[in-house]
Amino acid sequence: MATRRTDEIPATAETRARSAQPKGARAAKGKAPQRAAVSTEDRRAMIAEAAYLRAERRGFAPGRETEDWLAAEVEVDALLKIGPGGPAQ
């Protein structure tokens, strides 16, 4: 299989402009990553489950329910922002 050397490809105005941009700028110019579409009810259910699991981990000791809920909101919103692919590992 023959390959073409880069200097053999004729440069056009478009390829010169693209090569002048950093790779990150080219990637950002494309489509923005899509967020997971979750209804308000689904988001609330996810938060409730995460808050329950937090309370369970601490033995359901009373007095920290609001803290559990707020921490669960932050956790769920972060997961929804990352999207369906999850974090890169």
N, C-alpha and C. Protein backbone atom coordinates (compact mmCIF):
# COMPACT_ATOMS: atom_id res chain seq x y z
N MET A 1 0.84 -1.17 0.00
CA MET A 1 0.00 0.00 0.00
C MET A 1 0.89 1.24 0.00
N ALA A 2 0.66 2.11 -0.93
CA ALA A 2 1.46 3.33 -1.04
C ALA A 2 0.85 4.42 -0.18
N THR A 3 1.72 5.18 0.44
CA THR A 3 1.24 6.32 1.22
C THR A 3 1.79 7.59 0.60
N ARG A 4 1.10 8.64 0.83
CA ARG A 4 1.46 9.92 0.24
C ARG A 4 2.18 10.77 1.27
N ARG A 5 3.25 11.38 0.89
CA ARG A 5 3.96 12.26 1.79
C ARG A 5 3.18 13.56 1.92
N THR A 6 3.25 14.16 3.09
CA THR A 6 2.50 15.38 3.35
C THR A 6 2.90 16.51 2.41
N ASP A 7 4.17 16.60 2.07
CA ASP A 7 4.60 17.71 1.22
C ASP A 7 4.17 17.54 -0.24
N GLU A 8 3.61 16.37 -0.56
CA GLU A 8 3.14 16.14 -1.92
C GLU A 8 1.68 16.54 -2.12
N ILE A 9 0.98 16.80 -1.02
CA ILE A 9 -0.43 17.18 -1.10
C ILE A 9 -0.50 18.68 -1.38
N PRO A 10 -1.19 19.07 -2.43
CA PRO A 10 -1.28 20.50 -2.72
C PRO A 10 -2.05 21.22 -1.61
N ALA A 11 -1.53 22.34 -1.18
CA ALA A 11 -2.17 23.12 -0.12
C ALA A 11 -3.20 24.06 -0.73
N THR A 12 -4.37 24.06 -0.16
CA THR A 12 -5.41 25.00 -0.56
C THR A 12 -5.55 26.04 0.54
N ALA A 13 -6.33 27.05 0.28
CA ALA A 13 -6.54 28.08 1.30
C ALA A 13 -7.18 27.47 2.54
N GLU A 14 -8.08 26.51 2.34
CA GLU A 14 -8.75 25.88 3.47
C GLU A 14 -7.78 25.05 4.30
N THR A 15 -6.94 24.25 3.67
CA THR A 15 -6.00 23.42 4.42
C THR A 15 -4.95 24.28 5.12
N ARG A 16 -4.54 25.37 4.51
CA ARG A 16 -3.57 26.26 5.18
C ARG A 16 -4.22 26.90 6.41
N ALA A 17 -5.46 27.33 6.29
CA ALA A 17 -6.14 27.95 7.43
C ALA A 17 -6.35 26.94 8.55
N ARG A 18 -6.73 25.70 8.19
CA ARG A 18 -6.93 24.67 9.21
C ARG A 18 -5.63 24.31 9.91
N SER A 19 -4.56 24.20 9.18
CA SER A 19 -3.29 23.80 9.79
C SER A 19 -2.72 24.91 10.67
N ALA A 20 -3.15 26.14 10.46
CA ALA A 20 -2.68 27.25 11.30
C ALA A 20 -3.36 27.24 12.66
N GLN A 21 -4.52 26.58 12.78
CA GLN A 21 -5.24 26.52 14.04
C GLN A 21 -4.71 25.37 14.89
N PRO A 22 -4.65 25.55 16.21
CA PRO A 22 -4.29 24.42 17.07
C PRO A 22 -5.36 23.34 16.99
N LYS A 23 -4.96 22.10 17.26
CA LYS A 23 -5.91 20.98 17.16
C LYS A 23 -7.11 21.16 18.07
N GLY A 24 -6.91 21.69 19.27
CA GLY A 24 -8.02 21.90 20.19
C GLY A 24 -9.06 22.85 19.63
N ALA A 25 -8.61 23.87 18.93
CA ALA A 25 -9.54 24.83 18.35
C ALA A 25 -10.36 24.18 17.24
N ARG A 26 -9.71 23.28 16.48
CA ARG A 26 -10.45 22.57 15.43
C ARG A 26 -11.50 21.66 16.03
N ALA A 27 -11.17 20.99 17.12
CA ALA A 27 -12.13 20.08 17.74
C ALA A 27 -13.28 20.86 18.35
N ALA A 28 -12.99 22.01 18.95
CA ALA A 28 -14.03 22.81 19.57
C ALA A 28 -14.98 23.40 18.54
N LYS A 29 -14.50 23.56 17.32
CA LYS A 29 -15.31 24.15 16.27
C LYS A 29 -16.42 23.19 15.82
N GLY A 30 -16.21 21.89 16.02
CA GLY A 30 -17.19 20.89 15.61
C GLY A 30 -18.41 20.92 16.53
N LYS A 31 -19.13 19.84 16.52
CA LYS A 31 -20.34 19.76 17.35
C LYS A 31 -19.99 19.75 18.83
N ALA A 32 -20.81 20.44 19.60
CA ALA A 32 -20.63 20.43 21.05
C ALA A 32 -21.12 19.08 21.59
N PRO A 33 -20.50 18.59 22.66
CA PRO A 33 -20.95 17.31 23.20
C PRO A 33 -22.38 17.43 23.68
N GLN A 34 -23.16 16.40 23.42
CA GLN A 34 -24.56 16.42 23.81
C GLN A 34 -24.71 16.00 25.26
N ARG A 35 -25.60 16.68 25.95
CA ARG A 35 -25.89 16.32 27.33
C ARG A 35 -26.98 15.26 27.34
N ALA A 36 -26.96 14.49 28.39
CA ALA A 36 -28.00 13.48 28.54
C ALA A 36 -29.32 14.19 28.80
N ALA A 37 -30.34 13.84 28.03
CA ALA A 37 -31.66 14.44 28.20
C ALA A 37 -32.39 13.67 29.29
N VAL A 38 -32.58 14.30 30.44
CA VAL A 38 -33.22 13.66 31.58
C VAL A 38 -34.37 14.56 32.03
N SER A 39 -35.52 13.96 32.23
CA SER A 39 -36.67 14.76 32.69
C SER A 39 -36.47 15.19 34.14
N THR A 40 -37.25 16.16 34.55
CA THR A 40 -37.18 16.66 35.91
C THR A 40 -37.49 15.54 36.91
N GLU A 41 -38.46 14.71 36.58
CA GLU A 41 -38.83 13.60 37.47
C GLU A 41 -37.70 12.58 37.58
N ASP A 42 -37.05 12.28 36.45
CA ASP A 42 -35.94 11.33 36.47
C ASP A 42 -34.76 11.87 37.27
N ARG A 43 -34.48 13.16 37.09
CA ARG A 43 -33.38 13.78 37.84
C ARG A 43 -33.67 13.72 39.33
N ARG A 44 -34.90 14.03 39.72
CA ARG A 44 -35.29 14.00 41.12
C ARG A 44 -35.17 12.59 41.69
N ALA A 45 -35.58 11.58 40.90
CA ALA A 45 -35.47 10.19 41.35
C ALA A 45 -34.00 9.78 41.52
N MET A 46 -33.15 10.24 40.63
CA MET A 46 -31.72 9.94 40.73
C MET A 46 -31.13 10.58 41.99
N ILE A 47 -31.54 11.80 42.27
CA ILE A 47 -31.05 12.50 43.47
C ILE A 47 -31.55 11.80 44.72
N ALA A 48 -32.83 11.40 44.72
CA ALA A 48 -33.39 10.71 45.88
C ALA A 48 -32.64 9.41 46.16
N GLU A 49 -32.34 8.67 45.11
CA GLU A 49 -31.62 7.41 45.29
C GLU A 49 -30.20 7.65 45.82
N ALA A 50 -29.53 8.65 45.26
CA ALA A 50 -28.18 8.96 45.71
C ALA A 50 -28.18 9.45 47.16
N ALA A 51 -29.18 10.23 47.55
CA ALA A 51 -29.29 10.71 48.93
C ALA A 51 -29.57 9.53 49.88
N TYR A 52 -30.43 8.61 49.45
CA TYR A 52 -30.71 7.42 50.24
C TYR A 52 -29.43 6.61 50.46
N LEU A 53 -28.66 6.41 49.40
CA LEU A 53 -27.43 5.63 49.52
C LEU A 53 -26.43 6.32 50.45
N ARG A 54 -26.38 7.63 50.41
CA ARG A 54 -25.51 8.37 51.33
C ARG A 54 -25.97 8.17 52.78
N ALA A 55 -27.27 8.25 53.01
CA ALA A 55 -27.80 8.05 54.36
C ALA A 55 -27.54 6.61 54.83
N GLU A 56 -27.68 5.67 53.93
CA GLU A 56 -27.43 4.26 54.27
C GLU A 56 -25.97 4.05 54.69
N ARG A 57 -25.05 4.69 53.95
CA ARG A 57 -23.62 4.54 54.27
C ARG A 57 -23.29 5.07 55.66
N ARG A 58 -24.04 6.06 56.13
CA ARG A 58 -23.75 6.60 57.47
C ARG A 58 -24.68 6.03 58.53
N GLY A 59 -25.38 4.93 58.19
CA GLY A 59 -26.22 4.23 59.17
C GLY A 59 -27.55 4.92 59.46
N PHE A 60 -28.03 5.74 58.57
CA PHE A 60 -29.31 6.45 58.71
C PHE A 60 -29.38 7.30 59.98
N ALA A 61 -28.24 7.79 60.44
CA ALA A 61 -28.25 8.66 61.61
C ALA A 61 -29.02 9.93 61.26
N PRO A 62 -29.95 10.35 62.14
CA PRO A 62 -30.79 11.52 61.82
C PRO A 62 -30.02 12.83 61.90
N GLY A 63 -30.57 13.84 61.22
CA GLY A 63 -30.04 15.19 61.32
C GLY A 63 -29.20 15.64 60.13
N ARG A 64 -28.92 14.76 59.18
CA ARG A 64 -28.08 15.16 58.05
C ARG A 64 -28.78 14.91 56.73
N GLU A 65 -30.10 14.87 56.73
CA GLU A 65 -30.86 14.59 55.52
C GLU A 65 -30.67 15.66 54.45
N THR A 66 -30.69 16.93 54.86
CA THR A 66 -30.51 18.02 53.91
C THR A 66 -29.12 17.98 53.30
N GLU A 67 -28.13 17.70 54.12
CA GLU A 67 -26.75 17.58 53.62
C GLU A 67 -26.65 16.44 52.61
N ASP A 68 -27.30 15.31 52.90
CA ASP A 68 -27.30 14.17 51.97
C ASP A 68 -27.93 14.58 50.64
N TRP A 69 -29.06 15.27 50.70
CA TRP A 69 -29.78 15.66 49.49
C TRP A 69 -28.95 16.62 48.64
N LEU A 70 -28.37 17.63 49.28
CA LEU A 70 -27.58 18.62 48.54
C LEU A 70 -26.33 17.99 47.92
N ALA A 71 -25.69 17.11 48.65
CA ALA A 71 -24.51 16.42 48.09
C ALA A 71 -24.92 15.52 46.94
N ALA A 72 -26.08 14.88 47.05
CA ALA A 72 -26.58 14.02 45.97
C ALA A 72 -26.91 14.86 44.74
N GLU A 73 -27.47 16.05 44.92
CA GLU A 73 -27.75 16.94 43.78
C GLU A 73 -26.47 17.28 43.03
N VAL A 74 -25.43 17.63 43.76
CA VAL A 74 -24.14 17.96 43.14
C VAL A 74 -23.60 16.75 42.37
N GLU A 75 -23.68 15.58 42.99
CA GLU A 75 -23.18 14.35 42.36
C GLU A 75 -23.94 14.03 41.07
N VAL A 76 -25.26 14.08 41.12
CA VAL A 76 -26.08 13.74 39.95
C VAL A 76 -25.89 14.76 38.85
N ASP A 77 -25.87 16.04 39.20
CA ASP A 77 -25.67 17.07 38.18
C ASP A 77 -24.31 16.93 37.50
N ALA A 78 -23.28 16.56 38.26
CA ALA A 78 -21.96 16.34 37.67
C ALA A 78 -22.00 15.15 36.72
N LEU A 79 -22.68 14.09 37.10
CA LEU A 79 -22.78 12.92 36.23
C LEU A 79 -23.56 13.24 34.96
N LEU A 80 -24.62 14.03 35.08
CA LEU A 80 -25.41 14.39 33.91
C LEU A 80 -24.61 15.31 32.99
N LYS A 81 -23.76 16.14 33.57
CA LYS A 81 -22.94 17.03 32.74
C LYS A 81 -21.91 16.25 31.95
N ILE A 82 -21.35 15.19 32.56
CA ILE A 82 -20.37 14.36 31.88
C ILE A 82 -21.01 13.66 30.69
N GLY A 83 -22.23 13.21 30.85
CA GLY A 83 -22.93 12.56 29.76
C GLY A 83 -22.87 11.05 29.80
N PRO A 84 -23.47 10.44 28.79
CA PRO A 84 -23.62 8.99 28.80
C PRO A 84 -22.31 8.22 28.68
N GLY A 85 -21.28 8.79 28.11
CA GLY A 85 -20.01 8.07 27.95
C GLY A 85 -19.25 7.91 29.24
N GLY A 86 -19.56 8.74 30.24
CA GLY A 86 -18.85 8.67 31.51
C GLY A 86 -17.50 9.34 31.41
N PRO A 87 -16.80 9.41 32.53
CA PRO A 87 -15.49 10.05 32.54
C PRO A 87 -14.45 9.19 31.83
N ALA A 88 -13.48 9.83 31.23
CA ALA A 88 -12.39 9.11 30.57
C ALA A 88 -11.47 8.53 31.62
N GLN A 89 -11.09 7.29 31.44
CA GLN A 89 -10.22 6.65 32.44
C GLN A 89 -8.88 6.34 31.86
